[in-house]
Amino acid sequence: FFNPPRYLHLLELIPTAHTDPEVVKCISEFGDKVLGKGIVVAHDVPGFAANRVGIGCMSRSMQVMMEMGLSPDVVDVLTGPLVGRPKSATCRTADLSGLDICTTVAKNIQDATGEQVAMPEVLNKMVEKGLLGEKTKAGFYKKDKSSGKTKILTINFDTFEYEDNGKVRLEEINDIRKLPTPVERIKALLESDGQAGEFT
């Protein structure tokens, strides 16, 4: 199950050479019909299917974020619904999963496969500081209720303090957001100038 299971649709099943095909069929049908999950039967390889792809995408997005000096909230605007992915996008997904989990999974996949999926060094520093995401109430984001209203603050990588960046506004994606499909939006992003185009 992908975390949190109440929101995420995917259920990966990984049979071994000794798994009875009837067991896979039964669990697939239960997962689909009773739990309403999207079932993927994966091979028993490091990271299986979704973590192998997901960690690769997350790692690359975060590496480019650091290279370009972008903040997590900007990256999440560029890697969420705009391109057909969940609202949690990249950094919020890492906060939900736990930065310690993300860095460990990336290291394990890299060690097992040789694929370059290591997370940027800043994540190791965040883990060392106990900024693990949702479970420690601070990761890329932190909730601030001091004013009586909940504000979502974003980490500043230079100071490791949290800042109120307000709502992310990228003028260059205003027209791109209006395109009807993720394919059209991604194509337009790849052809656009500015930060959004360069990041994509």
N, C-alpha and C. Protein backbone atom coordinates (compact mmCIF):
# COMPACT_ATOMS: atom_id res chain seq x y z
N PHE A 1 0.85 -1.18 0.00
CA PHE A 1 0.00 0.00 0.00
C PHE A 1 0.89 1.23 0.00
N PHE A 2 0.42 2.26 -0.67
CA PHE A 2 1.18 3.50 -0.67
C PHE A 2 0.61 4.45 0.37
N ASN A 3 1.51 5.16 1.03
CA ASN A 3 1.19 5.92 2.21
C ASN A 3 0.82 7.37 1.85
N PRO A 4 -0.24 7.94 2.33
CA PRO A 4 -1.25 7.31 3.18
C PRO A 4 -2.26 6.52 2.35
N PRO A 5 -2.55 5.28 2.75
CA PRO A 5 -3.44 4.42 1.95
C PRO A 5 -4.84 4.99 1.72
N ARG A 6 -5.32 5.83 2.65
CA ARG A 6 -6.67 6.38 2.46
C ARG A 6 -6.74 7.36 1.29
N TYR A 7 -5.60 7.88 0.86
CA TYR A 7 -5.58 8.83 -0.26
C TYR A 7 -4.98 8.22 -1.54
N LEU A 8 -3.97 7.39 -1.38
CA LEU A 8 -3.25 6.93 -2.57
C LEU A 8 -3.85 5.65 -3.11
N HIS A 9 -3.97 5.59 -4.42
CA HIS A 9 -4.72 4.57 -5.13
C HIS A 9 -3.95 3.27 -5.33
N LEU A 10 -2.64 3.34 -5.31
CA LEU A 10 -1.84 2.19 -5.74
C LEU A 10 -1.70 1.10 -4.68
N LEU A 11 -1.84 -0.14 -5.13
CA LEU A 11 -1.50 -1.32 -4.34
C LEU A 11 -0.65 -2.21 -5.23
N GLU A 12 0.61 -2.37 -4.85
CA GLU A 12 1.52 -3.24 -5.60
C GLU A 12 1.50 -4.63 -4.99
N LEU A 13 1.41 -5.62 -5.84
CA LEU A 13 1.52 -7.01 -5.41
C LEU A 13 2.80 -7.57 -6.02
N ILE A 14 3.59 -8.23 -5.19
CA ILE A 14 4.88 -8.76 -5.64
C ILE A 14 4.92 -10.26 -5.36
N PRO A 15 4.49 -11.06 -6.32
CA PRO A 15 4.55 -12.50 -6.11
C PRO A 15 5.98 -13.02 -6.29
N THR A 16 6.29 -14.10 -5.60
CA THR A 16 7.58 -14.76 -5.80
C THR A 16 7.36 -15.95 -6.73
N ALA A 17 8.42 -16.66 -7.01
CA ALA A 17 8.32 -17.87 -7.85
C ALA A 17 7.46 -18.93 -7.17
N HIS A 18 7.29 -18.82 -5.87
CA HIS A 18 6.53 -19.82 -5.11
C HIS A 18 5.09 -19.40 -4.81
N THR A 19 4.69 -18.20 -5.26
CA THR A 19 3.34 -17.71 -4.98
C THR A 19 2.34 -18.37 -5.91
N ASP A 20 1.31 -18.93 -5.33
CA ASP A 20 0.24 -19.54 -6.10
C ASP A 20 -0.49 -18.45 -6.89
N PRO A 21 -0.63 -18.59 -8.20
CA PRO A 21 -1.32 -17.58 -9.01
C PRO A 21 -2.74 -17.28 -8.51
N GLU A 22 -3.38 -18.26 -7.91
CA GLU A 22 -4.73 -18.04 -7.36
C GLU A 22 -4.71 -17.03 -6.21
N VAL A 23 -3.63 -17.03 -5.43
CA VAL A 23 -3.50 -16.07 -4.33
C VAL A 23 -3.39 -14.66 -4.91
N VAL A 24 -2.58 -14.49 -5.95
CA VAL A 24 -2.42 -13.18 -6.59
C VAL A 24 -3.76 -12.73 -7.16
N LYS A 25 -4.48 -13.64 -7.80
CA LYS A 25 -5.79 -13.32 -8.39
C LYS A 25 -6.77 -12.90 -7.30
N CYS A 26 -6.83 -13.65 -6.22
CA CYS A 26 -7.76 -13.37 -5.12
C CYS A 26 -7.46 -12.02 -4.48
N ILE A 27 -6.20 -11.75 -4.18
CA ILE A 27 -5.83 -10.49 -3.53
C ILE A 27 -6.03 -9.32 -4.49
N SER A 28 -5.75 -9.54 -5.78
CA SER A 28 -5.99 -8.48 -6.79
C SER A 28 -7.46 -8.10 -6.84
N GLU A 29 -8.32 -9.11 -6.88
CA GLU A 29 -9.76 -8.85 -6.95
C GLU A 29 -10.25 -8.15 -5.67
N PHE A 30 -9.76 -8.61 -4.51
CA PHE A 30 -10.15 -7.98 -3.25
C PHE A 30 -9.68 -6.52 -3.23
N GLY A 31 -8.41 -6.30 -3.60
CA GLY A 31 -7.87 -4.94 -3.62
C GLY A 31 -8.64 -4.02 -4.55
N ASP A 32 -9.03 -4.56 -5.70
CA ASP A 32 -9.76 -3.77 -6.70
C ASP A 32 -11.21 -3.53 -6.28
N LYS A 33 -11.93 -4.61 -6.05
CA LYS A 33 -13.38 -4.51 -5.83
C LYS A 33 -13.76 -4.05 -4.42
N VAL A 34 -13.07 -4.51 -3.40
CA VAL A 34 -13.43 -4.17 -2.02
C VAL A 34 -12.73 -2.89 -1.56
N LEU A 35 -11.43 -2.79 -1.84
CA LEU A 35 -10.67 -1.64 -1.37
C LEU A 35 -10.63 -0.48 -2.37
N GLY A 36 -10.98 -0.76 -3.63
CA GLY A 36 -10.99 0.29 -4.65
C GLY A 36 -9.61 0.74 -5.06
N LYS A 37 -8.63 -0.15 -5.00
CA LYS A 37 -7.25 0.20 -5.33
C LYS A 37 -6.93 -0.12 -6.79
N GLY A 38 -5.96 0.58 -7.31
CA GLY A 38 -5.38 0.26 -8.61
C GLY A 38 -4.27 -0.74 -8.36
N ILE A 39 -4.37 -1.89 -8.98
CA ILE A 39 -3.44 -2.99 -8.71
C ILE A 39 -2.35 -3.03 -9.77
N VAL A 40 -1.11 -3.12 -9.30
CA VAL A 40 0.03 -3.35 -10.18
C VAL A 40 0.75 -4.59 -9.66
N VAL A 41 0.92 -5.58 -10.53
CA VAL A 41 1.71 -6.76 -10.16
C VAL A 41 3.13 -6.48 -10.63
N ALA A 42 4.05 -6.44 -9.68
CA ALA A 42 5.43 -6.04 -9.97
C ALA A 42 6.39 -7.20 -9.77
N HIS A 43 7.55 -7.06 -10.40
CA HIS A 43 8.62 -8.03 -10.19
C HIS A 43 9.31 -7.75 -8.86
N ASP A 44 9.91 -8.77 -8.30
CA ASP A 44 10.63 -8.63 -7.04
C ASP A 44 12.03 -8.07 -7.32
N VAL A 45 12.08 -6.75 -7.49
CA VAL A 45 13.33 -6.04 -7.78
C VAL A 45 13.44 -4.87 -6.80
N PRO A 46 14.63 -4.31 -6.62
CA PRO A 46 14.77 -3.18 -5.68
C PRO A 46 13.81 -2.04 -5.99
N GLY A 47 13.01 -1.68 -5.01
CA GLY A 47 12.06 -0.58 -5.17
C GLY A 47 10.76 -0.99 -5.84
N PHE A 48 10.70 -2.23 -6.31
CA PHE A 48 9.53 -2.72 -7.05
C PHE A 48 9.22 -1.74 -8.19
N ALA A 49 7.97 -1.42 -8.46
CA ALA A 49 7.67 -0.55 -9.61
C ALA A 49 7.60 0.92 -9.20
N ALA A 50 6.69 1.25 -8.31
CA ALA A 50 6.43 2.67 -8.03
C ALA A 50 7.57 3.36 -7.31
N ASN A 51 8.20 2.70 -6.32
CA ASN A 51 9.31 3.36 -5.63
C ASN A 51 10.50 3.54 -6.56
N ARG A 52 10.70 2.61 -7.46
CA ARG A 52 11.81 2.73 -8.42
C ARG A 52 11.62 3.97 -9.28
N VAL A 53 10.40 4.14 -9.79
CA VAL A 53 10.09 5.30 -10.62
C VAL A 53 9.97 6.56 -9.75
N GLY A 54 9.23 6.44 -8.65
CA GLY A 54 8.96 7.60 -7.80
C GLY A 54 10.21 8.20 -7.19
N ILE A 55 11.09 7.37 -6.66
CA ILE A 55 12.33 7.88 -6.06
C ILE A 55 13.22 8.49 -7.14
N GLY A 56 13.24 7.90 -8.31
CA GLY A 56 14.01 8.49 -9.41
C GLY A 56 13.52 9.88 -9.76
N CYS A 57 12.20 10.03 -9.87
CA CYS A 57 11.62 11.35 -10.18
C CYS A 57 11.84 12.34 -9.04
N MET A 58 11.62 11.86 -7.81
CA MET A 58 11.78 12.74 -6.64
C MET A 58 13.24 13.21 -6.54
N SER A 59 14.16 12.28 -6.69
CA SER A 59 15.58 12.60 -6.59
C SER A 59 15.97 13.65 -7.64
N ARG A 60 15.56 13.43 -8.87
CA ARG A 60 15.93 14.35 -9.95
C ARG A 60 15.30 15.73 -9.74
N SER A 61 14.02 15.75 -9.32
CA SER A 61 13.36 17.03 -9.06
C SER A 61 14.07 17.81 -7.97
N MET A 62 14.48 17.09 -6.92
CA MET A 62 15.16 17.78 -5.82
C MET A 62 16.56 18.22 -6.19
N GLN A 63 17.24 17.44 -7.02
CA GLN A 63 18.56 17.85 -7.47
C GLN A 63 18.46 19.14 -8.29
N VAL A 64 17.49 19.19 -9.20
CA VAL A 64 17.30 20.40 -10.02
C VAL A 64 16.86 21.57 -9.15
N MET A 65 16.01 21.30 -8.15
CA MET A 65 15.60 22.35 -7.21
C MET A 65 16.83 23.01 -6.59
N MET A 66 17.79 22.19 -6.13
CA MET A 66 18.98 22.74 -5.50
C MET A 66 19.88 23.45 -6.51
N GLU A 67 20.03 22.87 -7.70
CA GLU A 67 20.86 23.50 -8.74
C GLU A 67 20.33 24.87 -9.13
N MET A 68 18.99 24.99 -9.20
CA MET A 68 18.38 26.24 -9.63
C MET A 68 18.10 27.19 -8.46
N GLY A 69 18.31 26.73 -7.23
CA GLY A 69 18.04 27.58 -6.07
C GLY A 69 16.56 27.84 -5.86
N LEU A 70 15.72 26.86 -6.17
CA LEU A 70 14.28 27.02 -6.01
C LEU A 70 13.85 26.58 -4.61
N SER A 71 12.71 27.07 -4.18
CA SER A 71 12.16 26.65 -2.89
C SER A 71 11.22 25.47 -3.11
N PRO A 72 10.98 24.67 -2.06
CA PRO A 72 10.11 23.51 -2.19
C PRO A 72 8.70 23.84 -2.70
N ASP A 73 8.14 24.98 -2.29
CA ASP A 73 6.79 25.31 -2.72
C ASP A 73 6.72 25.59 -4.22
N VAL A 74 7.77 26.14 -4.79
CA VAL A 74 7.81 26.35 -6.24
C VAL A 74 7.89 25.00 -6.95
N VAL A 75 8.74 24.12 -6.46
CA VAL A 75 8.88 22.79 -7.07
C VAL A 75 7.56 22.03 -7.00
N ASP A 76 6.83 22.15 -5.90
CA ASP A 76 5.56 21.44 -5.79
C ASP A 76 4.51 21.98 -6.75
N VAL A 77 4.54 23.27 -7.04
CA VAL A 77 3.63 23.82 -8.06
C VAL A 77 3.96 23.22 -9.43
N LEU A 78 5.26 23.05 -9.70
CA LEU A 78 5.69 22.56 -11.01
C LEU A 78 5.60 21.04 -11.17
N THR A 79 5.46 20.31 -10.07
CA THR A 79 5.46 18.84 -10.16
C THR A 79 4.17 18.22 -9.64
N GLY A 80 3.13 19.02 -9.48
CA GLY A 80 1.86 18.52 -8.97
C GLY A 80 0.81 18.39 -10.08
N PRO A 81 -0.41 18.84 -9.81
CA PRO A 81 -1.50 18.71 -10.78
C PRO A 81 -1.19 19.33 -12.15
N LEU A 82 -0.35 20.34 -12.18
CA LEU A 82 0.04 20.97 -13.44
C LEU A 82 0.53 19.93 -14.44
N VAL A 83 1.25 18.93 -13.96
CA VAL A 83 1.80 17.89 -14.85
C VAL A 83 1.11 16.54 -14.66
N GLY A 84 -0.08 16.57 -14.05
CA GLY A 84 -0.87 15.35 -13.92
C GLY A 84 -0.53 14.49 -12.72
N ARG A 85 0.17 15.06 -11.75
CA ARG A 85 0.52 14.31 -10.55
C ARG A 85 -0.31 14.82 -9.37
N PRO A 86 -0.30 14.10 -8.24
CA PRO A 86 -1.11 14.53 -7.09
C PRO A 86 -0.69 15.89 -6.56
N LYS A 87 -1.60 16.52 -5.82
CA LYS A 87 -1.34 17.84 -5.24
C LYS A 87 -0.13 17.83 -4.32
N SER A 88 0.15 16.68 -3.69
CA SER A 88 1.32 16.60 -2.80
C SER A 88 2.63 16.71 -3.56
N ALA A 89 2.60 16.50 -4.86
CA ALA A 89 3.75 16.73 -5.74
C ALA A 89 5.03 16.06 -5.23
N THR A 90 6.12 16.80 -5.09
CA THR A 90 7.41 16.21 -4.75
C THR A 90 7.77 16.38 -3.26
N CYS A 91 7.90 17.60 -2.82
CA CYS A 91 8.39 17.86 -1.46
C CYS A 91 7.35 17.51 -0.40
N ARG A 92 6.09 17.79 -0.69
CA ARG A 92 5.03 17.43 0.27
C ARG A 92 4.92 15.91 0.37
N THR A 93 5.09 15.20 -0.75
CA THR A 93 5.09 13.74 -0.71
C THR A 93 6.23 13.23 0.16
N ALA A 94 7.40 13.85 0.03
CA ALA A 94 8.55 13.46 0.85
C ALA A 94 8.25 13.70 2.33
N ASP A 95 7.60 14.83 2.64
CA ASP A 95 7.21 15.10 4.03
C ASP A 95 6.24 14.04 4.55
N LEU A 96 5.28 13.64 3.72
CA LEU A 96 4.32 12.61 4.13
C LEU A 96 4.99 11.26 4.33
N SER A 97 5.92 10.93 3.45
CA SER A 97 6.61 9.63 3.53
C SER A 97 7.63 9.61 4.66
N GLY A 98 8.24 10.75 4.91
CA GLY A 98 9.33 10.85 5.89
C GLY A 98 10.65 10.99 5.15
N LEU A 99 11.36 12.08 5.41
CA LEU A 99 12.62 12.31 4.69
C LEU A 99 13.64 11.22 5.00
N ASP A 100 13.59 10.66 6.21
CA ASP A 100 14.48 9.55 6.54
C ASP A 100 14.17 8.33 5.68
N ILE A 101 12.89 8.09 5.41
CA ILE A 101 12.48 6.96 4.56
C ILE A 101 12.93 7.21 3.13
N CYS A 102 12.69 8.42 2.62
CA CYS A 102 13.06 8.76 1.24
C CYS A 102 14.56 8.59 1.00
N THR A 103 15.38 9.11 1.93
CA THR A 103 16.83 9.01 1.74
C THR A 103 17.30 7.56 1.84
N THR A 104 16.68 6.79 2.73
CA THR A 104 17.06 5.38 2.88
C THR A 104 16.68 4.57 1.66
N VAL A 105 15.46 4.78 1.17
CA VAL A 105 15.01 4.05 -0.03
C VAL A 105 15.89 4.41 -1.22
N ALA A 106 16.21 5.70 -1.38
CA ALA A 106 17.07 6.12 -2.49
C ALA A 106 18.44 5.46 -2.40
N LYS A 107 19.02 5.45 -1.21
CA LYS A 107 20.33 4.82 -1.03
C LYS A 107 20.27 3.33 -1.32
N ASN A 108 19.23 2.66 -0.82
CA ASN A 108 19.09 1.22 -1.07
C ASN A 108 18.95 0.90 -2.55
N ILE A 109 18.15 1.68 -3.26
CA ILE A 109 17.99 1.46 -4.70
C ILE A 109 19.30 1.72 -5.42
N GLN A 110 19.98 2.81 -5.06
CA GLN A 110 21.25 3.13 -5.71
C GLN A 110 22.29 2.04 -5.44
N ASP A 111 22.38 1.58 -4.19
CA ASP A 111 23.34 0.52 -3.85
C ASP A 111 23.03 -0.78 -4.60
N ALA A 112 21.75 -1.09 -4.74
CA ALA A 112 21.36 -2.37 -5.36
C ALA A 112 21.42 -2.35 -6.88
N THR A 113 21.24 -1.17 -7.49
CA THR A 113 21.13 -1.12 -8.95
C THR A 113 22.23 -0.32 -9.64
N GLY A 114 22.90 0.56 -8.89
CA GLY A 114 23.87 1.46 -9.51
C GLY A 114 23.24 2.69 -10.13
N GLU A 115 21.90 2.78 -10.11
CA GLU A 115 21.22 3.95 -10.65
C GLU A 115 21.50 5.16 -9.76
N GLN A 116 21.70 6.32 -10.36
CA GLN A 116 22.02 7.53 -9.61
C GLN A 116 20.74 8.19 -9.12
N VAL A 117 20.27 7.75 -7.95
CA VAL A 117 19.03 8.29 -7.41
C VAL A 117 19.23 8.89 -6.02
N ALA A 118 20.47 9.17 -5.66
CA ALA A 118 20.74 9.73 -4.34
C ALA A 118 20.06 11.09 -4.21
N MET A 119 19.55 11.34 -3.02
CA MET A 119 18.91 12.63 -2.75
C MET A 119 20.00 13.68 -2.52
N PRO A 120 19.67 14.96 -2.75
CA PRO A 120 20.65 16.02 -2.50
C PRO A 120 21.12 16.01 -1.04
N GLU A 121 22.32 16.48 -0.81
CA GLU A 121 22.92 16.48 0.52
C GLU A 121 22.06 17.23 1.54
N VAL A 122 21.30 18.23 1.09
CA VAL A 122 20.48 19.00 2.03
C VAL A 122 19.48 18.10 2.74
N LEU A 123 19.03 17.03 2.10
CA LEU A 123 18.09 16.12 2.78
C LEU A 123 18.77 15.39 3.92
N ASN A 124 20.02 14.99 3.73
CA ASN A 124 20.76 14.35 4.83
C ASN A 124 20.90 15.32 6.01
N LYS A 125 21.14 16.60 5.71
CA LYS A 125 21.25 17.59 6.77
C LYS A 125 19.92 17.76 7.50
N MET A 126 18.83 17.74 6.75
CA MET A 126 17.51 17.86 7.36
C MET A 126 17.24 16.66 8.27
N VAL A 127 17.61 15.47 7.80
CA VAL A 127 17.42 14.26 8.61
C VAL A 127 18.25 14.36 9.89
N GLU A 128 19.50 14.81 9.76
CA GLU A 128 20.36 14.97 10.95
C GLU A 128 19.75 15.93 11.97
N LYS A 129 19.05 16.95 11.47
CA LYS A 129 18.44 17.95 12.36
C LYS A 129 17.06 17.49 12.88
N GLY A 130 16.64 16.30 12.47
CA GLY A 130 15.34 15.81 12.91
C GLY A 130 14.17 16.40 12.16
N LEU A 131 14.43 17.01 11.02
CA LEU A 131 13.37 17.58 10.19
C LEU A 131 12.92 16.51 9.20
N LEU A 132 12.08 15.60 9.67
CA LEU A 132 11.73 14.40 8.89
C LEU A 132 10.42 14.53 8.13
N GLY A 133 9.72 15.64 8.33
CA GLY A 133 8.44 15.80 7.65
C GLY A 133 7.28 15.72 8.62
N GLU A 134 6.19 15.16 8.14
CA GLU A 134 4.93 15.13 8.90
C GLU A 134 5.10 14.54 10.31
N LYS A 135 5.87 13.47 10.44
CA LYS A 135 5.96 12.80 11.74
C LYS A 135 6.71 13.61 12.79
N THR A 136 7.50 14.59 12.38
CA THR A 136 8.17 15.47 13.35
C THR A 136 7.62 16.89 13.29
N LYS A 137 6.56 17.06 12.50
CA LYS A 137 5.87 18.35 12.35
C LYS A 137 6.72 19.41 11.63
N ALA A 138 7.84 18.97 11.04
CA ALA A 138 8.68 19.90 10.28
C ALA A 138 9.54 19.12 9.30
N GLY A 139 9.50 19.55 8.06
CA GLY A 139 10.31 18.95 7.01
C GLY A 139 10.56 20.04 5.99
N PHE A 140 10.09 19.84 4.77
CA PHE A 140 10.12 20.94 3.79
C PHE A 140 9.13 22.02 4.21
N TYR A 141 8.08 21.58 4.89
CA TYR A 141 7.03 22.49 5.34
C TYR A 141 6.79 22.33 6.83
N LYS A 142 6.22 23.37 7.41
CA LYS A 142 5.89 23.35 8.84
C LYS A 142 4.63 24.20 9.03
N LYS A 143 3.71 23.71 9.83
CA LYS A 143 2.50 24.47 10.12
C LYS A 143 2.78 25.44 11.28
N ASP A 144 2.29 26.67 11.11
CA ASP A 144 2.43 27.68 12.15
C ASP A 144 1.03 28.14 12.53
N LYS A 145 0.66 27.94 13.80
CA LYS A 145 -0.67 28.33 14.28
C LYS A 145 -0.59 29.49 15.26
N SER A 146 0.56 30.15 15.33
CA SER A 146 0.78 31.19 16.35
C SER A 146 -0.14 32.39 16.19
N SER A 147 -0.62 32.65 14.99
CA SER A 147 -1.48 33.82 14.78
C SER A 147 -2.95 33.49 14.94
N GLY A 148 -3.26 32.23 15.28
CA GLY A 148 -4.65 31.82 15.37
C GLY A 148 -5.15 31.18 14.09
N LYS A 149 -4.49 31.48 12.98
CA LYS A 149 -4.79 30.85 11.70
C LYS A 149 -3.61 29.96 11.33
N THR A 150 -3.89 28.86 10.66
CA THR A 150 -2.81 27.96 10.25
C THR A 150 -2.14 28.49 8.99
N LYS A 151 -0.84 28.69 9.07
CA LYS A 151 -0.04 29.08 7.91
C LYS A 151 0.92 27.94 7.62
N ILE A 152 1.18 27.71 6.35
CA ILE A 152 2.16 26.72 5.95
C ILE A 152 3.45 27.46 5.63
N LEU A 153 4.48 27.18 6.41
CA LEU A 153 5.79 27.80 6.23
C LEU A 153 6.69 26.85 5.44
N THR A 154 7.63 27.42 4.71
CA THR A 154 8.54 26.66 3.86
C THR A 154 9.97 26.83 4.36
N ILE A 155 10.73 25.75 4.34
CA ILE A 155 12.10 25.81 4.82
C ILE A 155 12.98 26.67 3.91
N ASN A 156 13.87 27.42 4.52
CA ASN A 156 14.90 28.15 3.81
C ASN A 156 16.17 27.30 3.92
N PHE A 157 16.71 26.84 2.79
CA PHE A 157 17.85 25.93 2.82
C PHE A 157 19.14 26.58 3.31
N ASP A 158 19.21 27.90 3.28
CA ASP A 158 20.42 28.57 3.76
C ASP A 158 20.45 28.65 5.28
N THR A 159 19.28 28.85 5.89
CA THR A 159 19.23 29.07 7.33
C THR A 159 18.59 27.91 8.11
N PHE A 160 17.88 27.04 7.40
CA PHE A 160 17.07 25.97 8.01
C PHE A 160 15.99 26.54 8.93
N GLU A 161 15.62 27.79 8.70
CA GLU A 161 14.47 28.41 9.36
C GLU A 161 13.29 28.30 8.40
N TYR A 162 12.08 28.53 8.93
CA TYR A 162 10.87 28.44 8.13
C TYR A 162 10.32 29.82 7.84
N GLU A 163 9.84 30.02 6.61
CA GLU A 163 9.38 31.33 6.16
C GLU A 163 7.99 31.22 5.55
N ASP A 164 7.25 32.31 5.66
CA ASP A 164 5.94 32.40 5.01
C ASP A 164 6.16 32.99 3.62
N ASN A 165 6.17 32.12 2.63
CA ASN A 165 6.40 32.58 1.25
C ASN A 165 5.11 33.03 0.57
N GLY A 166 3.99 32.87 1.25
CA GLY A 166 2.71 33.20 0.61
C GLY A 166 2.40 32.22 -0.50
N LYS A 167 1.41 32.51 -1.28
CA LYS A 167 1.01 31.64 -2.38
C LYS A 167 2.01 31.81 -3.53
N VAL A 168 2.45 30.69 -4.08
CA VAL A 168 3.40 30.73 -5.20
C VAL A 168 2.69 31.25 -6.44
N ARG A 169 3.27 32.27 -7.04
CA ARG A 169 2.70 32.83 -8.27
C ARG A 169 3.78 32.84 -9.35
N LEU A 170 3.56 32.02 -10.35
CA LEU A 170 4.48 31.98 -11.49
C LEU A 170 3.70 32.42 -12.72
N GLU A 171 3.88 33.68 -13.10
CA GLU A 171 3.13 34.25 -14.21
C GLU A 171 3.27 33.42 -15.48
N GLU A 172 4.45 32.85 -15.68
CA GLU A 172 4.71 32.13 -16.92
C GLU A 172 3.86 30.87 -17.10
N ILE A 173 3.23 30.39 -16.02
CA ILE A 173 2.41 29.18 -16.17
C ILE A 173 0.91 29.47 -16.19
N ASN A 174 0.52 30.74 -16.11
CA ASN A 174 -0.91 31.07 -16.07
C ASN A 174 -1.66 30.49 -17.26
N ASP A 175 -1.16 30.69 -18.47
CA ASP A 175 -1.85 30.16 -19.66
C ASP A 175 -1.68 28.65 -19.76
N ILE A 176 -0.55 28.15 -19.33
CA ILE A 176 -0.28 26.70 -19.40
C ILE A 176 -1.26 25.94 -18.51
N ARG A 177 -1.58 26.49 -17.34
CA ARG A 177 -2.55 25.85 -16.42
C ARG A 177 -3.90 25.60 -17.09
N LYS A 178 -4.26 26.45 -18.04
CA LYS A 178 -5.58 26.36 -18.68
C LYS A 178 -5.66 25.27 -19.73
N LEU A 179 -4.53 24.71 -20.15
CA LEU A 179 -4.56 23.65 -21.15
C LEU A 179 -5.24 22.42 -20.55
N PRO A 180 -6.04 21.70 -21.35
CA PRO A 180 -6.92 20.67 -20.78
C PRO A 180 -6.25 19.37 -20.31
N THR A 181 -5.11 19.00 -20.85
CA THR A 181 -4.53 17.71 -20.49
C THR A 181 -3.10 17.87 -19.97
N PRO A 182 -2.67 16.94 -19.12
CA PRO A 182 -1.27 16.98 -18.67
C PRO A 182 -0.27 16.92 -19.82
N VAL A 183 -0.58 16.15 -20.85
CA VAL A 183 0.34 16.04 -21.99
C VAL A 183 0.55 17.41 -22.63
N GLU A 184 -0.54 18.14 -22.84
CA GLU A 184 -0.43 19.48 -23.44
C GLU A 184 0.32 20.44 -22.51
N ARG A 185 0.04 20.33 -21.23
CA ARG A 185 0.71 21.23 -20.27
C ARG A 185 2.20 20.94 -20.19
N ILE A 186 2.58 19.66 -20.17
CA ILE A 186 4.00 19.31 -20.11
C ILE A 186 4.71 19.78 -21.37
N LYS A 187 4.08 19.56 -22.52
CA LYS A 187 4.67 20.01 -23.80
C LYS A 187 4.88 21.53 -23.77
N ALA A 188 3.89 22.27 -23.30
CA ALA A 188 4.01 23.72 -23.24
C ALA A 188 5.09 24.15 -22.25
N LEU A 189 5.19 23.44 -21.12
CA LEU A 189 6.25 23.75 -20.16
C LEU A 189 7.62 23.53 -20.77
N LEU A 190 7.78 22.42 -21.47
CA LEU A 190 9.08 22.12 -22.08
C LEU A 190 9.47 23.16 -23.13
N GLU A 191 8.49 23.79 -23.74
CA GLU A 191 8.76 24.78 -24.78
C GLU A 191 8.81 26.20 -24.23
N SER A 192 8.52 26.39 -22.95
CA SER A 192 8.44 27.74 -22.40
C SER A 192 9.80 28.23 -21.91
N ASP A 193 9.91 29.55 -21.82
CA ASP A 193 11.09 30.17 -21.26
C ASP A 193 10.84 30.42 -19.78
N GLY A 194 11.88 30.75 -19.06
CA GLY A 194 11.73 31.07 -17.65
C GLY A 194 12.00 29.89 -16.76
N GLN A 195 11.80 30.11 -15.46
CA GLN A 195 12.10 29.08 -14.46
C GLN A 195 11.33 27.79 -14.67
N ALA A 196 10.04 27.91 -14.96
CA ALA A 196 9.19 26.72 -15.12
C ALA A 196 9.68 25.86 -16.27
N GLY A 197 9.99 26.50 -17.39
CA GLY A 197 10.48 25.76 -18.55
C GLY A 197 11.85 25.14 -18.29
N GLU A 198 12.72 25.90 -17.66
CA GLU A 198 14.06 25.39 -17.36
C GLU A 198 13.99 24.21 -16.39
N PHE A 199 13.15 24.32 -15.35
CA PHE A 199 13.01 23.23 -14.39
C PHE A 199 12.45 21.99 -15.08
N THR A 200 11.41 22.17 -15.86
CA THR A 200 10.77 21.03 -16.52
C THR A 200 11.71 20.37 -17.51
